[in-house]
Amino acid sequence: HKDAPHLDGAYAAFGKVTEGQDVVDAIATVATDAGDRPVEPQMIIEVTVDTFGVDYPEPEKCN
């Protein structure tokens, strides 16, 4: 996928695709508008987070 230097320092991205890389590739190739937003909405229907047995507290919400 192409670099997005305009996002450097503004967003943290982390994670690993363990299956469904073809879906990630398909999302990366959708048509976008002048603002680089997808012309058709892209939705993640399901996500699995493996905490490797560690229980984390509910995150605090910031305003």
N, C-alpha and C. Protein backbone atom coordinates (compact mmCIF):
# COMPACT_ATOMS: atom_id res chain seq x y z
N HIS A 1 0.84 -1.18 0.00
CA HIS A 1 0.00 0.00 0.00
C HIS A 1 0.88 1.23 0.00
N LYS A 2 0.37 2.33 -0.50
CA LYS A 2 1.18 3.54 -0.61
C LYS A 2 1.36 4.23 0.73
N ASP A 3 2.47 4.96 0.84
CA ASP A 3 2.75 5.73 2.05
C ASP A 3 1.74 6.87 2.19
N ALA A 4 1.54 7.31 3.41
CA ALA A 4 0.65 8.44 3.71
C ALA A 4 1.38 9.39 4.66
N PRO A 5 2.39 10.10 4.15
CA PRO A 5 3.20 10.96 5.03
C PRO A 5 2.39 12.05 5.72
N HIS A 6 1.24 12.43 5.16
CA HIS A 6 0.41 13.45 5.80
C HIS A 6 -0.18 12.96 7.12
N LEU A 7 -0.11 11.67 7.38
CA LEU A 7 -0.61 11.12 8.64
C LEU A 7 0.50 10.93 9.68
N ASP A 8 1.76 11.07 9.27
CA ASP A 8 2.88 10.87 10.19
C ASP A 8 2.78 11.81 11.38
N GLY A 9 2.91 11.25 12.56
CA GLY A 9 2.87 12.03 13.78
C GLY A 9 1.47 12.41 14.23
N ALA A 10 0.46 12.11 13.42
CA ALA A 10 -0.91 12.48 13.76
C ALA A 10 -1.74 11.29 14.24
N TYR A 11 -1.36 10.09 13.81
CA TYR A 11 -2.14 8.90 14.15
C TYR A 11 -1.20 7.75 14.49
N ALA A 12 -1.63 6.91 15.40
CA ALA A 12 -0.90 5.69 15.71
C ALA A 12 -1.60 4.53 15.01
N ALA A 13 -0.84 3.73 14.31
CA ALA A 13 -1.39 2.56 13.66
C ALA A 13 -0.64 1.34 14.15
N PHE A 14 -1.37 0.36 14.60
CA PHE A 14 -0.72 -0.85 15.07
C PHE A 14 -1.67 -2.02 14.88
N GLY A 15 -1.12 -3.18 14.80
CA GLY A 15 -1.93 -4.38 14.64
C GLY A 15 -1.31 -5.28 13.60
N LYS A 16 -1.93 -6.40 13.41
CA LYS A 16 -1.45 -7.38 12.45
C LYS A 16 -2.65 -8.09 11.85
N VAL A 17 -2.68 -8.16 10.55
CA VAL A 17 -3.73 -8.91 9.86
C VAL A 17 -3.31 -10.38 9.87
N THR A 18 -4.09 -11.22 10.51
CA THR A 18 -3.75 -12.65 10.58
C THR A 18 -4.51 -13.46 9.54
N GLU A 19 -5.61 -12.93 9.06
CA GLU A 19 -6.33 -13.54 7.94
C GLU A 19 -7.19 -12.46 7.30
N GLY A 20 -7.43 -12.61 6.02
CA GLY A 20 -8.23 -11.62 5.32
C GLY A 20 -7.43 -10.51 4.68
N GLN A 21 -6.13 -10.74 4.43
CA GLN A 21 -5.31 -9.71 3.79
C GLN A 21 -5.90 -9.32 2.44
N ASP A 22 -6.56 -10.24 1.77
CA ASP A 22 -7.20 -9.93 0.49
C ASP A 22 -8.27 -8.85 0.67
N VAL A 23 -8.95 -8.85 1.80
CA VAL A 23 -9.97 -7.83 2.09
C VAL A 23 -9.29 -6.48 2.31
N VAL A 24 -8.19 -6.47 3.04
CA VAL A 24 -7.44 -5.23 3.25
C VAL A 24 -6.98 -4.68 1.91
N ASP A 25 -6.46 -5.54 1.06
CA ASP A 25 -6.00 -5.11 -0.27
C ASP A 25 -7.15 -4.54 -1.09
N ALA A 26 -8.33 -5.16 -1.01
CA ALA A 26 -9.49 -4.67 -1.76
C ALA A 26 -9.92 -3.29 -1.26
N ILE A 27 -9.91 -3.09 0.05
CA ILE A 27 -10.28 -1.78 0.61
C ILE A 27 -9.28 -0.72 0.15
N ALA A 28 -8.01 -1.09 0.09
CA ALA A 28 -6.97 -0.14 -0.30
C ALA A 28 -7.10 0.31 -1.75
N THR A 29 -7.82 -0.43 -2.56
CA THR A 29 -7.92 -0.09 -3.98
C THR A 29 -9.23 0.58 -4.37
N VAL A 30 -10.11 0.87 -3.40
CA VAL A 30 -11.39 1.49 -3.76
C VAL A 30 -11.17 2.92 -4.25
N ALA A 31 -12.09 3.38 -5.06
CA ALA A 31 -12.02 4.75 -5.58
C ALA A 31 -12.20 5.75 -4.45
N THR A 32 -11.43 6.84 -4.51
CA THR A 32 -11.52 7.89 -3.50
C THR A 32 -11.81 9.23 -4.16
N ASP A 33 -12.33 10.16 -3.35
CA ASP A 33 -12.62 11.50 -3.86
C ASP A 33 -11.39 12.39 -3.72
N ALA A 34 -11.55 13.67 -3.99
CA ALA A 34 -10.43 14.62 -3.93
C ALA A 34 -9.84 14.73 -2.53
N GLY A 35 -10.63 14.41 -1.51
CA GLY A 35 -10.15 14.45 -0.13
C GLY A 35 -9.57 13.11 0.32
N ASP A 36 -9.39 12.18 -0.63
CA ASP A 36 -8.85 10.84 -0.37
C ASP A 36 -9.77 10.00 0.51
N ARG A 37 -11.06 10.30 0.48
CA ARG A 37 -12.05 9.49 1.20
C ARG A 37 -12.72 8.54 0.21
N PRO A 38 -13.02 7.32 0.65
CA PRO A 38 -13.68 6.38 -0.26
C PRO A 38 -15.00 6.93 -0.79
N VAL A 39 -15.23 6.75 -2.08
CA VAL A 39 -16.49 7.19 -2.70
C VAL A 39 -17.64 6.36 -2.13
N GLU A 40 -17.43 5.07 -1.96
CA GLU A 40 -18.40 4.17 -1.33
C GLU A 40 -17.92 3.88 0.08
N PRO A 41 -18.80 3.97 1.09
CA PRO A 41 -18.38 3.70 2.47
C PRO A 41 -17.77 2.31 2.63
N GLN A 42 -16.71 2.22 3.39
CA GLN A 42 -16.06 0.95 3.71
C GLN A 42 -16.33 0.66 5.18
N MET A 43 -16.78 -0.54 5.48
CA MET A 43 -17.16 -0.87 6.86
C MET A 43 -16.44 -2.13 7.34
N ILE A 44 -15.97 -2.08 8.58
CA ILE A 44 -15.43 -3.26 9.23
C ILE A 44 -16.59 -3.88 10.01
N ILE A 45 -16.93 -5.10 9.68
CA ILE A 45 -18.08 -5.77 10.29
C ILE A 45 -17.67 -6.50 11.57
N GLU A 46 -16.48 -7.07 11.59
CA GLU A 46 -16.06 -7.85 12.75
C GLU A 46 -14.56 -7.70 12.96
N VAL A 47 -14.17 -7.58 14.23
CA VAL A 47 -12.76 -7.49 14.61
C VAL A 47 -12.55 -8.40 15.81
N THR A 48 -11.44 -9.10 15.81
CA THR A 48 -11.07 -9.91 16.97
C THR A 48 -9.78 -9.36 17.54
N VAL A 49 -9.77 -9.10 18.84
CA VAL A 49 -8.57 -8.61 19.52
C VAL A 49 -8.10 -9.71 20.46
N ASP A 50 -6.88 -10.19 20.22
CA ASP A 50 -6.31 -11.23 21.08
C ASP A 50 -5.44 -10.56 22.12
N THR A 51 -5.84 -10.62 23.37
CA THR A 51 -5.07 -9.99 24.46
C THR A 51 -4.09 -10.97 25.08
N PHE A 52 -4.00 -12.17 24.52
CA PHE A 52 -3.07 -13.18 25.01
C PHE A 52 -3.24 -13.44 26.50
N GLY A 53 -4.51 -13.48 26.96
CA GLY A 53 -4.82 -13.82 28.33
C GLY A 53 -4.77 -12.67 29.32
N VAL A 54 -4.43 -11.47 28.88
CA VAL A 54 -4.36 -10.31 29.78
C VAL A 54 -5.71 -9.61 29.77
N ASP A 55 -6.25 -9.33 30.96
CA ASP A 55 -7.49 -8.57 31.08
C ASP A 55 -7.16 -7.09 31.26
N TYR A 56 -7.70 -6.26 30.41
CA TYR A 56 -7.46 -4.82 30.47
C TYR A 56 -8.70 -4.11 30.98
N PRO A 57 -8.54 -3.03 31.77
CA PRO A 57 -9.71 -2.29 32.24
C PRO A 57 -10.34 -1.51 31.08
N GLU A 58 -11.59 -1.11 31.29
CA GLU A 58 -12.27 -0.27 30.31
C GLU A 58 -11.49 1.03 30.18
N PRO A 59 -11.21 1.49 28.96
CA PRO A 59 -10.45 2.74 28.80
C PRO A 59 -11.25 3.94 29.30
N GLU A 60 -10.53 4.94 29.79
CA GLU A 60 -11.17 6.18 30.22
C GLU A 60 -11.45 7.03 29.00
N LYS A 61 -12.61 7.67 28.99
CA LYS A 61 -12.98 8.53 27.87
C LYS A 61 -12.51 9.95 28.16
N CYS A 62 -11.88 10.56 27.17
CA CYS A 62 -11.40 11.94 27.30
C CYS A 62 -12.29 12.86 26.49
N ASN A 63 -12.41 14.08 26.92
CA ASN A 63 -13.19 15.06 26.16
C ASN A 63 -12.27 15.91 25.34
